[in-house]
Amino acid sequence: MSEISTRELRTNLAKYLDAAESGEQVIILRDGTPAAALVPLSVVEAVDDAEDEMLAREAVARLAAGEKTSSMAEVLADIFEARK
């Protein structure tokens, strides 16, 4: 894993995209402080999959505990009501 400044990233973006594409993780520093990471897409996909799995397990546990469920229509109504 390497650390680079935003200036270095702007100057050599293609180089760091190639590095991430080949599996390297690059930490981007702003004023010497970690601000972002350039990671392989497989890492992002793995995190998304893990989050989906965690939420599914939580839903199954809530259903098993007999918690109240909501229909999709109720969920959407709540979302749109909150935006008003």
PDB file of N, CA and C in Angstrom:
ATOM      1  N   MET A   1       0.856  -1.165   0.000  1.00  0.00           N
ATOM      2  CA  MET A   1       0.000   0.000   0.000  1.00  0.00           C
ATOM      3  C   MET A   1       0.901   1.226   0.000  1.00  0.00           C
ATOM      4  N   SER A   2       0.575   2.160  -0.883  1.00  0.00           N
ATOM      5  CA  SER A   2       1.378   3.375  -0.937  1.00  0.00           C
ATOM      6  C   SER A   2       0.537   4.582  -0.556  1.00  0.00           C
ATOM      7  N   GLU A   3       1.215   5.646  -0.168  1.00  0.00           N
ATOM      8  CA  GLU A   3       0.563   6.897   0.179  1.00  0.00           C
ATOM      9  C   GLU A   3       1.087   7.971  -0.752  1.00  0.00           C
ATOM     10  N   ILE A   4       0.159   8.755  -1.315  1.00  0.00           N
ATOM     11  CA  ILE A   4       0.550   9.804  -2.253  1.00  0.00           C
ATOM     12  C   ILE A   4      -0.232  11.074  -1.951  1.00  0.00           C
ATOM     13  N   SER A   5       0.337  12.183  -2.380  1.00  0.00           N
ATOM     14  CA  SER A   5      -0.350  13.468  -2.221  1.00  0.00           C
ATOM     15  C   SER A   5      -1.357  13.660  -3.357  1.00  0.00           C
ATOM     16  N   THR A   6      -2.259  14.592  -3.159  1.00  0.00           N
ATOM     17  CA  THR A   6      -3.217  14.895  -4.226  1.00  0.00           C
ATOM     18  C   THR A   6      -2.490  15.417  -5.462  1.00  0.00           C
ATOM     19  N   ARG A   7      -1.426  16.146  -5.258  1.00  0.00           N
ATOM     20  CA  ARG A   7      -0.641  16.641  -6.404  1.00  0.00           C
ATOM     21  C   ARG A   7      -0.050  15.480  -7.195  1.00  0.00           C
ATOM     22  N   GLU A   8       0.519  14.501  -6.478  1.00  0.00           N
ATOM     23  CA  GLU A   8       1.087  13.322  -7.135  1.00  0.00           C
ATOM     24  C   GLU A   8      -0.010  12.567  -7.892  1.00  0.00           C
ATOM     25  N   LEU A   9      -1.181  12.455  -7.308  1.00  0.00           N
ATOM     26  CA  LEU A   9      -2.294  11.772  -7.971  1.00  0.00           C
ATOM     27  C   LEU A   9      -2.680  12.485  -9.254  1.00  0.00           C
ATOM     28  N   ARG A  10      -2.813  13.813  -9.182  1.00  0.00           N
ATOM     29  CA  ARG A  10      -3.181  14.572 -10.385  1.00  0.00           C
ATOM     30  C   ARG A  10      -2.133  14.417 -11.476  1.00  0.00           C
ATOM     31  N   THR A  11      -0.885  14.407 -11.085  1.00  0.00           N
ATOM     32  CA  THR A  11       0.204  14.323 -12.057  1.00  0.00           C
ATOM     33  C   THR A  11       0.289  12.947 -12.713  1.00  0.00           C
ATOM     34  N   ASN A  12       0.002  11.887 -11.947  1.00  0.00           N
ATOM     35  CA  ASN A  12       0.201  10.519 -12.431  1.00  0.00           C
ATOM     36  C   ASN A  12      -1.044   9.649 -12.264  1.00  0.00           C
ATOM     37  N   LEU A  13      -2.208  10.207 -12.568  1.00  0.00           N
ATOM     38  CA  LEU A  13      -3.454   9.483 -12.347  1.00  0.00           C
ATOM     39  C   LEU A  13      -3.474   8.130 -13.050  1.00  0.00           C
ATOM     40  N   ALA A  14      -3.078   8.082 -14.307  1.00  0.00           N
ATOM     41  CA  ALA A  14      -3.118   6.816 -15.056  1.00  0.00           C
ATOM     42  C   ALA A  14      -2.255   5.748 -14.377  1.00  0.00           C
ATOM     43  N   LYS A  15      -1.106   6.147 -13.875  1.00  0.00           N
ATOM     44  CA  LYS A  15      -0.198   5.216 -13.186  1.00  0.00           C
ATOM     45  C   LYS A  15      -0.890   4.607 -11.962  1.00  0.00           C
ATOM     46  N   TYR A  16      -1.579   5.441 -11.171  1.00  0.00           N
ATOM     47  CA  TYR A  16      -2.217   4.944  -9.959  1.00  0.00           C
ATOM     48  C   TYR A  16      -3.494   4.172 -10.251  1.00  0.00           C
ATOM     49  N   LEU A  17      -4.183   4.526 -11.332  1.00  0.00           N
ATOM     50  CA  LEU A  17      -5.329   3.713 -11.751  1.00  0.00           C
ATOM     51  C   LEU A  17      -4.861   2.328 -12.173  1.00  0.00           C
ATOM     52  N   ASP A  18      -3.763   2.270 -12.897  1.00  0.00           N
ATOM     53  CA  ASP A  18      -3.191   0.968 -13.288  1.00  0.00           C
ATOM     54  C   ASP A  18      -2.805   0.161 -12.053  1.00  0.00           C
ATOM     55  N   ALA A  19      -2.228   0.830 -11.061  1.00  0.00           N
ATOM     56  CA  ALA A  19      -1.813   0.144  -9.831  1.00  0.00           C
ATOM     57  C   ALA A  19      -3.029  -0.431  -9.110  1.00  0.00           C
ATOM     58  N   ALA A  20      -4.085   0.368  -8.990  1.00  0.00           N
ATOM     59  CA  ALA A  20      -5.298  -0.116  -8.326  1.00  0.00           C
ATOM     60  C   ALA A  20      -5.925  -1.257  -9.114  1.00  0.00           C
ATOM     61  N   GLU A  21      -5.935  -1.119 -10.411  1.00  0.00           N
ATOM     62  CA  GLU A  21      -6.502  -2.163 -11.259  1.00  0.00           C
ATOM     63  C   GLU A  21      -5.749  -3.486 -11.100  1.00  0.00           C
ATOM     64  N   SER A  22      -4.457  -3.395 -10.804  1.00  0.00           N
ATOM     65  CA  SER A  22      -3.661  -4.610 -10.640  1.00  0.00           C
ATOM     66  C   SER A  22      -3.629  -5.100  -9.186  1.00  0.00           C
ATOM     67  N   GLY A  23      -4.405  -4.441  -8.299  1.00  0.00           N
ATOM     68  CA  GLY A  23      -4.542  -4.948  -6.938  1.00  0.00           C
ATOM     69  C   GLY A  23      -3.949  -4.103  -5.836  1.00  0.00           C
ATOM     70  N   GLU A  24      -3.240  -3.052  -6.177  1.00  0.00           N
ATOM     71  CA  GLU A  24      -2.616  -2.214  -5.146  1.00  0.00           C
ATOM     72  C   GLU A  24      -3.628  -1.239  -4.552  1.00  0.00           C
ATOM     73  N   GLN A  25      -3.470  -0.959  -3.269  1.00  0.00           N
ATOM     74  CA  GLN A  25      -4.286   0.049  -2.597  1.00  0.00           C
ATOM     75  C   GLN A  25      -3.430   1.298  -2.419  1.00  0.00           C
ATOM     76  N   VAL A  26      -4.001   2.450  -2.783  1.00  0.00           N
ATOM     77  CA  VAL A  26      -3.271   3.711  -2.720  1.00  0.00           C
ATOM     78  C   VAL A  26      -4.042   4.667  -1.808  1.00  0.00           C
ATOM     79  N   ILE A  27      -3.382   5.153  -0.779  1.00  0.00           N
ATOM     80  CA  ILE A  27      -3.978   6.128   0.135  1.00  0.00           C
ATOM     81  C   ILE A  27      -3.628   7.521  -0.376  1.00  0.00           C
ATOM     82  N   ILE A  28      -4.639   8.369  -0.493  1.00  0.00           N
ATOM     83  CA  ILE A  28      -4.435   9.725  -0.996  1.00  0.00           C
ATOM     84  C   ILE A  28      -4.443  10.682   0.193  1.00  0.00           C
ATOM     85  N   LEU A  29      -3.376  11.451   0.296  1.00  0.00           N
ATOM     86  CA  LEU A  29      -3.209  12.380   1.411  1.00  0.00           C
ATOM     87  C   LEU A  29      -3.564  13.801   0.997  1.00  0.00           C
ATOM     88  N   ARG A  30      -4.280  14.476   1.869  1.00  0.00           N
ATOM     89  CA  ARG A  30      -4.539  15.908   1.680  1.00  0.00           C
ATOM     90  C   ARG A  30      -3.872  16.619   2.838  1.00  0.00           C
ATOM     91  N   ASP A  31      -2.914  17.457   2.527  1.00  0.00           N
ATOM     92  CA  ASP A  31      -2.127  18.142   3.554  1.00  0.00           C
ATOM     93  C   ASP A  31      -1.526  17.160   4.544  1.00  0.00           C
ATOM     94  N   GLY A  32      -1.076  16.005   4.044  1.00  0.00           N
ATOM     95  CA  GLY A  32      -0.414  15.004   4.871  1.00  0.00           C
ATOM     96  C   GLY A  32      -1.331  14.093   5.660  1.00  0.00           C
ATOM     97  N   THR A  33      -2.649  14.291   5.522  1.00  0.00           N
ATOM     98  CA  THR A  33      -3.622  13.492   6.258  1.00  0.00           C
ATOM     99  C   THR A  33      -4.383  12.585   5.293  1.00  0.00           C
ATOM    100  N   PRO A  34      -4.523  11.301   5.625  1.00  0.00           N
ATOM    101  CA  PRO A  34      -5.284  10.410   4.740  1.00  0.00           C
ATOM    102  C   PRO A  34      -6.691  10.951   4.499  1.00  0.00           C
ATOM    103  N   ALA A  35      -7.060  11.060   3.214  1.00  0.00           N
ATOM    104  CA  ALA A  35      -8.359  11.625   2.862  1.00  0.00           C
ATOM    105  C   ALA A  35      -9.213  10.656   2.060  1.00  0.00           C
ATOM    106  N   ALA A  36      -8.583   9.769   1.320  1.00  0.00           N
ATOM    107  CA  ALA A  36      -9.326   8.852   0.454  1.00  0.00           C
ATOM    108  C   ALA A  36      -8.421   7.676   0.110  1.00  0.00           C
ATOM    109  N   ALA A  37      -9.044   6.681  -0.511  1.00  0.00           N
ATOM    110  CA  ALA A  37      -8.267   5.516  -0.949  1.00  0.00           C
ATOM    111  C   ALA A  37      -8.674   5.153  -2.363  1.00  0.00           C
ATOM    112  N   LEU A  38      -7.716   4.788  -3.137  1.00  0.00           N
ATOM    113  CA  LEU A  38      -7.937   4.266  -4.482  1.00  0.00           C
ATOM    114  C   LEU A  38      -7.672   2.775  -4.367  1.00  0.00           C
ATOM    115  N   VAL A  39      -8.726   1.977  -4.532  1.00  0.00           N
ATOM    116  CA  VAL A  39      -8.618   0.540  -4.302  1.00  0.00           C
ATOM    117  C   VAL A  39      -9.145  -0.218  -5.509  1.00  0.00           C
ATOM    118  N   PRO A  40      -8.759  -1.480  -5.645  1.00  0.00           N
ATOM    119  CA  PRO A  40      -9.303  -2.287  -6.732  1.00  0.00           C
ATOM    120  C   PRO A  40     -10.825  -2.404  -6.596  1.00  0.00           C
ATOM    121  N   LEU A  41     -11.504  -2.452  -7.718  1.00  0.00           N
ATOM    122  CA  LEU A  41     -12.959  -2.576  -7.694  1.00  0.00           C
ATOM    123  C   LEU A  41     -13.394  -3.829  -6.942  1.00  0.00           C
ATOM    124  N   SER A  42     -12.595  -4.876  -6.966  1.00  0.00           N
ATOM    125  CA  SER A  42     -12.945  -6.107  -6.251  1.00  0.00           C
ATOM    126  C   SER A  42     -13.088  -5.858  -4.747  1.00  0.00           C
ATOM    127  N   VAL A  43     -12.334  -4.918  -4.203  1.00  0.00           N
ATOM    128  CA  VAL A  43     -12.435  -4.586  -2.786  1.00  0.00           C
ATOM    129  C   VAL A  43     -13.780  -3.923  -2.501  1.00  0.00           C
ATOM    130  N   VAL A  44     -14.173  -3.000  -3.355  1.00  0.00           N
ATOM    131  CA  VAL A  44     -15.459  -2.317  -3.188  1.00  0.00           C
ATOM    132  C   VAL A  44     -16.602  -3.323  -3.302  1.00  0.00           C
ATOM    133  N   GLU A  45     -16.517  -4.216  -4.274  1.00  0.00           N
ATOM    134  CA  GLU A  45     -17.555  -5.232  -4.455  1.00  0.00           C
ATOM    135  C   GLU A  45     -17.634  -6.158  -3.241  1.00  0.00           C
ATOM    136  N   ALA A  46     -16.492  -6.522  -2.672  1.00  0.00           N
ATOM    137  CA  ALA A  46     -16.476  -7.395  -1.494  1.00  0.00           C
ATOM    138  C   ALA A  46     -17.121  -6.704  -0.294  1.00  0.00           C
ATOM    139  N   VAL A  47     -16.863  -5.415  -0.133  1.00  0.00           N
ATOM    140  CA  VAL A  47     -17.473  -4.661   0.967  1.00  0.00           C
ATOM    141  C   VAL A  47     -18.983  -4.577   0.758  1.00  0.00           C
ATOM    142  N   ASP A  48     -19.419  -4.303  -0.468  1.00  0.00           N
ATOM    143  CA  ASP A  48     -20.856  -4.256  -0.761  1.00  0.00           C
ATOM    144  C   ASP A  48     -21.526  -5.595  -0.493  1.00  0.00           C
ATOM    145  N   ASP A  49     -20.882  -6.679  -0.914  1.00  0.00           N
ATOM    146  CA  ASP A  49     -21.436  -8.015  -0.670  1.00  0.00           C
ATOM    147  C   ASP A  49     -21.535  -8.312   0.824  1.00  0.00           C
ATOM    148  N   ALA A  50     -20.506  -7.937   1.578  1.00  0.00           N
ATOM    149  CA  ALA A  50     -20.515  -8.170   3.026  1.00  0.00           C
ATOM    150  C   ALA A  50     -21.621  -7.358   3.699  1.00  0.00           C
ATOM    151  N   GLU A  51     -21.818  -6.137   3.241  1.00  0.00           N
ATOM    152  CA  GLU A  51     -22.887  -5.305   3.801  1.00  0.00           C
ATOM    153  C   GLU A  51     -24.257  -5.920   3.504  1.00  0.00           C
ATOM    154  N   ASP A  52     -24.454  -6.382   2.267  1.00  0.00           N
ATOM    155  CA  ASP A  52     -25.718  -7.036   1.910  1.00  0.00           C
ATOM    156  C   ASP A  52     -25.963  -8.266   2.777  1.00  0.00           C
ATOM    157  N   GLU A  53     -24.934  -9.060   2.992  1.00  0.00           N
ATOM    158  CA  GLU A  53     -25.050 -10.270   3.814  1.00  0.00           C
ATOM    159  C   GLU A  53     -25.400  -9.919   5.255  1.00  0.00           C
ATOM    160  N   MET A  54     -24.749  -8.900   5.783  1.00  0.00           N
ATOM    161  CA  MET A  54     -25.021  -8.474   7.154  1.00  0.00           C
ATOM    162  C   MET A  54     -26.476  -8.002   7.302  1.00  0.00           C
ATOM    163  N   LEU A  55     -26.948  -7.210   6.346  1.00  0.00           N
ATOM    164  CA  LEU A  55     -28.323  -6.719   6.413  1.00  0.00           C
ATOM    165  C   LEU A  55     -29.333  -7.857   6.261  1.00  0.00           C
ATOM    166  N   ALA A  56     -29.027  -8.828   5.408  1.00  0.00           N
ATOM    167  CA  ALA A  56     -29.920  -9.977   5.242  1.00  0.00           C
ATOM    168  C   ALA A  56     -29.994 -10.785   6.534  1.00  0.00           C
ATOM    169  N   ARG A  57     -28.847 -11.005   7.179  1.00  0.00           N
ATOM    170  CA  ARG A  57     -28.842 -11.745   8.451  1.00  0.00           C
ATOM    171  C   ARG A  57     -29.629 -10.999   9.527  1.00  0.00           C
ATOM    172  N   GLU A  58     -29.491  -9.683   9.543  1.00  0.00           N
ATOM    173  CA  GLU A  58     -30.223  -8.877  10.511  1.00  0.00           C
ATOM    174  C   GLU A  58     -31.733  -8.988  10.252  1.00  0.00           C
ATOM    175  N   ALA A  59     -32.138  -8.968   8.988  1.00  0.00           N
ATOM    176  CA  ALA A  59     -33.561  -9.080   8.650  1.00  0.00           C
ATOM    177  C   ALA A  59     -34.111 -10.446   9.055  1.00  0.00           C
ATOM    178  N   VAL A  60     -33.353 -11.493   8.799  1.00  0.00           N
ATOM    179  CA  VAL A  60     -33.789 -12.845   9.177  1.00  0.00           C
ATOM    180  C   VAL A  60     -33.940 -12.941  10.686  1.00  0.00           C
ATOM    181  N   ALA A  61     -33.000 -12.372  11.430  1.00  0.00           N
ATOM    182  CA  ALA A  61     -33.070 -12.413  12.896  1.00  0.00           C
ATOM    183  C   ALA A  61     -34.283 -11.646  13.402  1.00  0.00           C
ATOM    184  N   ARG A  62     -34.578 -10.508  12.791  1.00  0.00           N
ATOM    185  CA  ARG A  62     -35.747  -9.730  13.215  1.00  0.00           C
ATOM    186  C   ARG A  62     -37.047 -10.471  12.910  1.00  0.00           C
ATOM    187  N   LEU A  63     -37.096 -11.109  11.749  1.00  0.00           N
ATOM    188  CA  LEU A  63     -38.291 -11.895  11.415  1.00  0.00           C
ATOM    189  C   LEU A  63     -38.458 -13.054  12.389  1.00  0.00           C
ATOM    190  N   ALA A  64     -37.355 -13.721  12.720  1.00  0.00           N
ATOM    191  CA  ALA A  64     -37.406 -14.847  13.650  1.00  0.00           C
ATOM    192  C   ALA A  64     -37.851 -14.393  15.038  1.00  0.00           C
ATOM    193  N   ALA A  65     -37.530 -13.158  15.389  1.00  0.00           N
ATOM    194  CA  ALA A  65     -37.914 -12.621  16.702  1.00  0.00           C
ATOM    195  C   ALA A  65     -39.357 -12.107  16.694  1.00  0.00           C
ATOM    196  N   GLY A  66     -40.007 -12.167  15.541  1.00  0.00           N
ATOM    197  CA  GLY A  66     -41.400 -11.748  15.449  1.00  0.00           C
ATOM    198  C   GLY A  66     -41.611 -10.249  15.349  1.00  0.00           C
ATOM    199  N   GLU A  67     -40.571  -9.527  14.961  1.00  0.00           N
ATOM    200  CA  GLU A  67     -40.728  -8.081  14.830  1.00  0.00           C
ATOM    201  C   GLU A  67     -41.659  -7.743  13.673  1.00  0.00           C
ATOM    202  N   LYS A  68     -42.320  -6.601  13.784  1.00  0.00           N
ATOM    203  CA  LYS A  68     -43.253  -6.137  12.765  1.00  0.00           C
ATOM    204  C   LYS A  68     -42.511  -5.894  11.454  1.00  0.00           C
ATOM    205  N   THR A  69     -43.144  -6.257  10.356  1.00  0.00           N
ATOM    206  CA  THR A  69     -42.570  -5.999   9.038  1.00  0.00           C
ATOM    207  C   THR A  69     -43.339  -4.865   8.373  1.00  0.00           C
ATOM    208  N   SER A  70     -42.756  -4.304   7.334  1.00  0.00           N
ATOM    209  CA  SER A  70     -43.390  -3.227   6.580  1.00  0.00           C
ATOM    210  C   SER A  70     -43.396  -3.609   5.109  1.00  0.00           C
ATOM    211  N   SER A  71     -44.456  -3.228   4.433  1.00  0.00           N
ATOM    212  CA  SER A  71     -44.511  -3.476   2.986  1.00  0.00           C
ATOM    213  C   SER A  71     -43.638  -2.441   2.281  1.00  0.00           C
ATOM    214  N   MET A  72     -43.308  -2.699   1.026  1.00  0.00           N
ATOM    215  CA  MET A  72     -42.516  -1.754   0.242  1.00  0.00           C
ATOM    216  C   MET A  72     -43.273  -0.439   0.109  1.00  0.00           C
ATOM    217  N   ALA A  73     -44.586  -0.497  -0.040  1.00  0.00           N
ATOM    218  CA  ALA A  73     -45.388   0.721  -0.150  1.00  0.00           C
ATOM    219  C   ALA A  73     -45.265   1.565   1.117  1.00  0.00           C
ATOM    220  N   GLU A  74     -45.275   0.912   2.278  1.00  0.00           N
ATOM    221  CA  GLU A  74     -45.131   1.648   3.537  1.00  0.00           C
ATOM    222  C   GLU A  74     -43.746   2.286   3.653  1.00  0.00           C
ATOM    223  N   VAL A  75     -42.736   1.558   3.250  1.00  0.00           N
ATOM    224  CA  VAL A  75     -41.368   2.082   3.302  1.00  0.00           C
ATOM    225  C   VAL A  75     -41.242   3.301   2.386  1.00  0.00           C
ATOM    226  N   LEU A  76     -41.722   3.176   1.164  1.00  0.00           N
ATOM    227  CA  LEU A  76     -41.639   4.299   0.217  1.00  0.00           C
ATOM    228  C   LEU A  76     -42.434   5.502   0.722  1.00  0.00           C
ATOM    229  N   ALA A  77     -43.605   5.261   1.278  1.00  0.00           N
ATOM    230  CA  ALA A  77     -44.409   6.358   1.818  1.00  0.00           C
ATOM    231  C   ALA A  77     -43.645   7.076   2.926  1.00  0.00           C
ATOM    232  N   ASP A  78     -42.990   6.329   3.798  1.00  0.00           N
ATOM    233  CA  ASP A  78     -42.202   6.929   4.876  1.00  0.00           C
ATOM    234  C   ASP A  78     -41.048   7.764   4.319  1.00  0.00           C
ATOM    235  N   ILE A  79     -40.389   7.244   3.300  1.00  0.00           N
ATOM    236  CA  ILE A  79     -39.258   7.966   2.689  1.00  0.00           C
ATOM    237  C   ILE A  79     -39.736   9.280   2.094  1.00  0.00           C
ATOM    238  N   PHE A  80     -40.806   9.225   1.316  1.00  0.00           N
ATOM    239  CA  PHE A  80     -41.281  10.439   0.666  1.00  0.00           C
ATOM    240  C   PHE A  80     -41.874  11.429   1.671  1.00  0.00           C
ATOM    241  N   GLU A  81     -42.469  10.942   2.724  1.00  0.00           N
ATOM    242  CA  GLU A  81     -42.996  11.801   3.768  1.00  0.00           C
ATOM    243  C   GLU A  81     -41.864  12.527   4.478  1.00  0.00           C
ATOM    244  N   ALA A  82     -40.755  11.849   4.700  1.00  0.00           N
ATOM    245  CA  ALA A  82     -39.607  12.453   5.385  1.00  0.00           C
ATOM    246  C   ALA A  82     -38.963  13.548   4.545  1.00  0.00           C
ATOM    247  N   ARG A  83     -39.106  13.477   3.239  1.00  0.00           N
ATOM    248  CA  ARG A  83     -38.489  14.472   2.344  1.00  0.00           C
ATOM    249  C   ARG A  83     -39.275  15.769   2.285  1.00  0.00           C
ATOM    250  N   LYS A  84     -40.497  15.781   2.786  1.00  0.00           N
ATOM    251  CA  LYS A  84     -41.321  17.007   2.717  1.00  0.00           C
ATOM    252  C   LYS A  84     -40.854  18.035   3.705  1.00  0.00           C
TER     253      LYS A  84
END
